[in-house]
Amino acid sequence: MRVQLETNNHSVLSLHYHLVFVVKYRRKVIDNNVSDRLKEIFSYIGANYHVTFEEWNHNSDHVHVLFKSHSKIEFP
């Protein structure tokens, strides 16, 4: 497996983020339909920030997102 590195004028990098969204009180509300809709929303928003989703998994009470971003992006 080859790692893709990004470069700019003075550095070489590869930034990956692992983000976990948890439902309040760990209620069991996430099913396949909800997960698919959340993925659509995140993909739409991610396009504005040059985010590339690498992995998306869910359970009934949380969502795991593994994504890659460019170093010039600030997340609000």
N, C-alpha and C. Protein backbone atom coordinates (compact mmCIF):
# COMPACT_ATOMS: atom_id res chain seq x y z
N MET A 1 0.85 -1.18 0.00
CA MET A 1 0.00 0.00 0.00
C MET A 1 0.89 1.24 0.00
N ARG A 2 0.62 2.14 -0.90
CA ARG A 2 1.41 3.35 -1.04
C ARG A 2 0.64 4.54 -0.47
N VAL A 3 1.30 5.33 0.35
CA VAL A 3 0.69 6.50 0.97
C VAL A 3 0.83 7.68 0.03
N GLN A 4 -0.26 8.38 -0.21
CA GLN A 4 -0.24 9.58 -1.04
C GLN A 4 0.12 10.78 -0.15
N LEU A 5 1.18 11.44 -0.47
CA LEU A 5 1.62 12.61 0.29
C LEU A 5 1.31 13.88 -0.49
N GLU A 6 0.95 14.91 0.24
CA GLU A 6 0.71 16.21 -0.37
C GLU A 6 1.93 17.08 -0.12
N THR A 7 2.18 17.97 -1.04
CA THR A 7 3.34 18.86 -0.89
C THR A 7 2.90 20.30 -1.10
N ASN A 8 3.65 21.19 -0.48
CA ASN A 8 3.53 22.61 -0.77
C ASN A 8 4.95 23.16 -0.84
N ASN A 9 5.14 24.44 -0.73
CA ASN A 9 6.46 25.04 -0.94
C ASN A 9 7.53 24.57 0.05
N HIS A 10 7.13 24.21 1.27
CA HIS A 10 8.14 23.90 2.26
C HIS A 10 7.83 22.69 3.13
N SER A 11 6.87 21.87 2.75
CA SER A 11 6.59 20.70 3.57
C SER A 11 5.93 19.58 2.76
N VAL A 12 5.99 18.39 3.33
CA VAL A 12 5.33 17.21 2.79
C VAL A 12 4.45 16.67 3.90
N LEU A 13 3.20 16.36 3.59
CA LEU A 13 2.28 15.97 4.65
C LEU A 13 1.20 15.02 4.16
N SER A 14 0.58 14.40 5.12
CA SER A 14 -0.59 13.56 4.89
C SER A 14 -1.45 13.65 6.13
N LEU A 15 -2.53 14.40 6.05
CA LEU A 15 -3.41 14.63 7.20
C LEU A 15 -4.67 13.79 7.08
N HIS A 16 -4.88 12.93 8.06
CA HIS A 16 -6.09 12.12 8.13
C HIS A 16 -6.75 12.40 9.48
N TYR A 17 -8.06 12.51 9.47
CA TYR A 17 -8.81 12.77 10.69
C TYR A 17 -9.79 11.65 10.94
N HIS A 18 -9.90 11.23 12.19
CA HIS A 18 -10.89 10.25 12.58
C HIS A 18 -11.87 10.97 13.49
N LEU A 19 -13.10 11.07 13.03
CA LEU A 19 -14.12 11.82 13.73
C LEU A 19 -15.24 10.88 14.13
N VAL A 20 -15.69 10.98 15.38
CA VAL A 20 -16.78 10.14 15.86
C VAL A 20 -17.91 11.05 16.34
N PHE A 21 -19.07 10.88 15.73
CA PHE A 21 -20.27 11.60 16.16
C PHE A 21 -21.12 10.67 16.99
N VAL A 22 -21.47 11.11 18.19
CA VAL A 22 -22.25 10.28 19.10
C VAL A 22 -23.60 10.95 19.33
N VAL A 23 -24.65 10.16 19.31
CA VAL A 23 -26.00 10.65 19.55
C VAL A 23 -26.16 10.93 21.05
N LYS A 24 -26.84 12.01 21.37
CA LYS A 24 -27.06 12.38 22.76
C LYS A 24 -27.72 11.24 23.52
N TYR A 25 -27.22 10.96 24.70
CA TYR A 25 -27.68 9.86 25.56
C TYR A 25 -27.51 8.50 24.90
N ARG A 26 -26.70 8.43 23.84
CA ARG A 26 -26.42 7.17 23.13
C ARG A 26 -27.70 6.45 22.70
N ARG A 27 -28.69 7.24 22.31
CA ARG A 27 -29.95 6.65 21.83
C ARG A 27 -29.74 5.94 20.52
N LYS A 28 -30.45 4.88 20.30
CA LYS A 28 -30.31 4.03 19.11
C LYS A 28 -31.19 4.57 17.98
N VAL A 29 -30.69 5.57 17.24
CA VAL A 29 -31.51 6.22 16.21
C VAL A 29 -30.91 6.14 14.81
N ILE A 30 -29.68 5.68 14.69
CA ILE A 30 -29.03 5.67 13.38
C ILE A 30 -29.21 4.30 12.73
N ASP A 31 -29.89 4.32 11.59
CA ASP A 31 -30.02 3.11 10.78
C ASP A 31 -29.38 3.39 9.42
N ASN A 32 -29.53 2.50 8.48
CA ASN A 32 -28.89 2.69 7.16
C ASN A 32 -29.39 3.93 6.45
N ASN A 33 -30.68 4.22 6.54
CA ASN A 33 -31.23 5.42 5.88
C ASN A 33 -30.67 6.70 6.47
N VAL A 34 -30.62 6.77 7.79
CA VAL A 34 -30.09 7.96 8.46
C VAL A 34 -28.60 8.12 8.14
N SER A 35 -27.87 7.02 8.17
CA SER A 35 -26.44 7.06 7.85
C SER A 35 -26.20 7.53 6.42
N ASP A 36 -26.98 7.03 5.48
CA ASP A 36 -26.83 7.45 4.08
C ASP A 36 -27.11 8.94 3.92
N ARG A 37 -28.14 9.44 4.60
CA ARG A 37 -28.46 10.87 4.51
C ARG A 37 -27.36 11.72 5.14
N LEU A 38 -26.83 11.28 6.28
CA LEU A 38 -25.73 12.01 6.91
C LEU A 38 -24.50 12.04 6.00
N LYS A 39 -24.24 10.93 5.34
CA LYS A 39 -23.11 10.87 4.42
C LYS A 39 -23.29 11.84 3.25
N GLU A 40 -24.52 11.94 2.74
CA GLU A 40 -24.81 12.91 1.67
C GLU A 40 -24.54 14.33 2.14
N ILE A 41 -25.01 14.66 3.34
CA ILE A 41 -24.83 16.01 3.88
C ILE A 41 -23.35 16.32 4.08
N PHE A 42 -22.62 15.38 4.67
CA PHE A 42 -21.19 15.60 4.90
C PHE A 42 -20.42 15.70 3.59
N SER A 43 -20.80 14.93 2.61
CA SER A 43 -20.14 15.01 1.30
C SER A 43 -20.38 16.36 0.66
N TYR A 44 -21.61 16.86 0.78
CA TYR A 44 -21.95 18.18 0.22
C TYR A 44 -21.13 19.28 0.91
N ILE A 45 -21.07 19.24 2.23
CA ILE A 45 -20.31 20.24 2.98
C ILE A 45 -18.82 20.06 2.74
N GLY A 46 -18.36 18.82 2.71
CA GLY A 46 -16.94 18.53 2.52
C GLY A 46 -16.39 19.02 1.20
N ALA A 47 -17.23 19.06 0.18
CA ALA A 47 -16.78 19.56 -1.12
C ALA A 47 -16.34 21.02 -1.04
N ASN A 48 -16.97 21.80 -0.18
CA ASN A 48 -16.60 23.21 -0.01
C ASN A 48 -15.25 23.36 0.69
N TYR A 49 -14.86 22.37 1.49
CA TYR A 49 -13.62 22.44 2.27
C TYR A 49 -12.54 21.52 1.71
N HIS A 50 -12.74 20.97 0.54
CA HIS A 50 -11.77 20.07 -0.10
C HIS A 50 -11.44 18.87 0.80
N VAL A 51 -12.49 18.28 1.36
CA VAL A 51 -12.36 17.11 2.22
C VAL A 51 -12.66 15.87 1.40
N THR A 52 -11.85 14.84 1.57
CA THR A 52 -12.04 13.57 0.89
C THR A 52 -12.37 12.50 1.93
N PHE A 53 -13.55 11.92 1.84
CA PHE A 53 -13.94 10.87 2.78
C PHE A 53 -13.31 9.56 2.36
N GLU A 54 -12.64 8.91 3.29
CA GLU A 54 -12.00 7.64 3.00
C GLU A 54 -12.77 6.46 3.57
N GLU A 55 -13.44 6.69 4.70
CA GLU A 55 -14.18 5.61 5.31
C GLU A 55 -15.37 6.19 6.07
N TRP A 56 -16.48 5.46 6.04
CA TRP A 56 -17.69 5.88 6.74
C TRP A 56 -18.34 4.63 7.32
N ASN A 57 -18.46 4.56 8.64
CA ASN A 57 -19.10 3.44 9.30
C ASN A 57 -20.06 3.97 10.35
N HIS A 58 -21.09 3.20 10.62
CA HIS A 58 -22.03 3.62 11.65
C HIS A 58 -22.48 2.45 12.50
N ASN A 59 -22.91 2.79 13.67
CA ASN A 59 -23.57 1.87 14.57
C ASN A 59 -24.90 2.52 14.92
N SER A 60 -25.69 1.93 15.76
CA SER A 60 -27.01 2.50 16.03
C SER A 60 -26.96 3.79 16.84
N ASP A 61 -25.82 4.07 17.49
CA ASP A 61 -25.75 5.29 18.31
C ASP A 61 -24.55 6.18 18.00
N HIS A 62 -23.77 5.86 16.96
CA HIS A 62 -22.64 6.72 16.59
C HIS A 62 -22.21 6.47 15.15
N VAL A 63 -21.44 7.46 14.62
CA VAL A 63 -20.92 7.38 13.26
C VAL A 63 -19.41 7.63 13.30
N HIS A 64 -18.66 6.80 12.60
CA HIS A 64 -17.21 6.98 12.46
C HIS A 64 -16.93 7.51 11.07
N VAL A 65 -16.14 8.58 11.00
CA VAL A 65 -15.77 9.16 9.71
C VAL A 65 -14.25 9.28 9.68
N LEU A 66 -13.64 8.72 8.64
CA LEU A 66 -12.22 8.90 8.40
C LEU A 66 -12.10 9.73 7.13
N PHE A 67 -11.47 10.90 7.25
CA PHE A 67 -11.37 11.76 6.09
C PHE A 67 -10.00 12.39 6.00
N LYS A 68 -9.72 12.88 4.81
CA LYS A 68 -8.44 13.51 4.50
C LYS A 68 -8.71 14.94 4.11
N SER A 69 -7.84 15.84 4.53
CA SER A 69 -8.03 17.25 4.22
C SER A 69 -6.69 17.88 3.87
N HIS A 70 -6.77 18.97 3.17
CA HIS A 70 -5.58 19.73 2.80
C HIS A 70 -5.20 20.61 3.99
N SER A 71 -3.93 20.88 4.15
CA SER A 71 -3.44 21.61 5.32
C SER A 71 -3.85 23.08 5.34
N LYS A 72 -4.29 23.63 4.23
CA LYS A 72 -4.66 25.04 4.18
C LYS A 72 -6.08 25.31 4.67
N ILE A 73 -6.81 24.26 4.98
CA ILE A 73 -8.22 24.40 5.35
C ILE A 73 -8.34 24.59 6.85
N GLU A 74 -9.16 25.57 7.27
CA GLU A 74 -9.50 25.76 8.67
C GLU A 74 -10.91 25.25 8.89
N PHE A 75 -11.09 24.43 9.90
CA PHE A 75 -12.42 23.93 10.22
C PHE A 75 -13.03 24.82 11.27
N PRO A 76 -14.28 25.23 11.05
CA PRO A 76 -14.92 26.13 12.02
C PRO A 76 -15.21 25.46 13.34
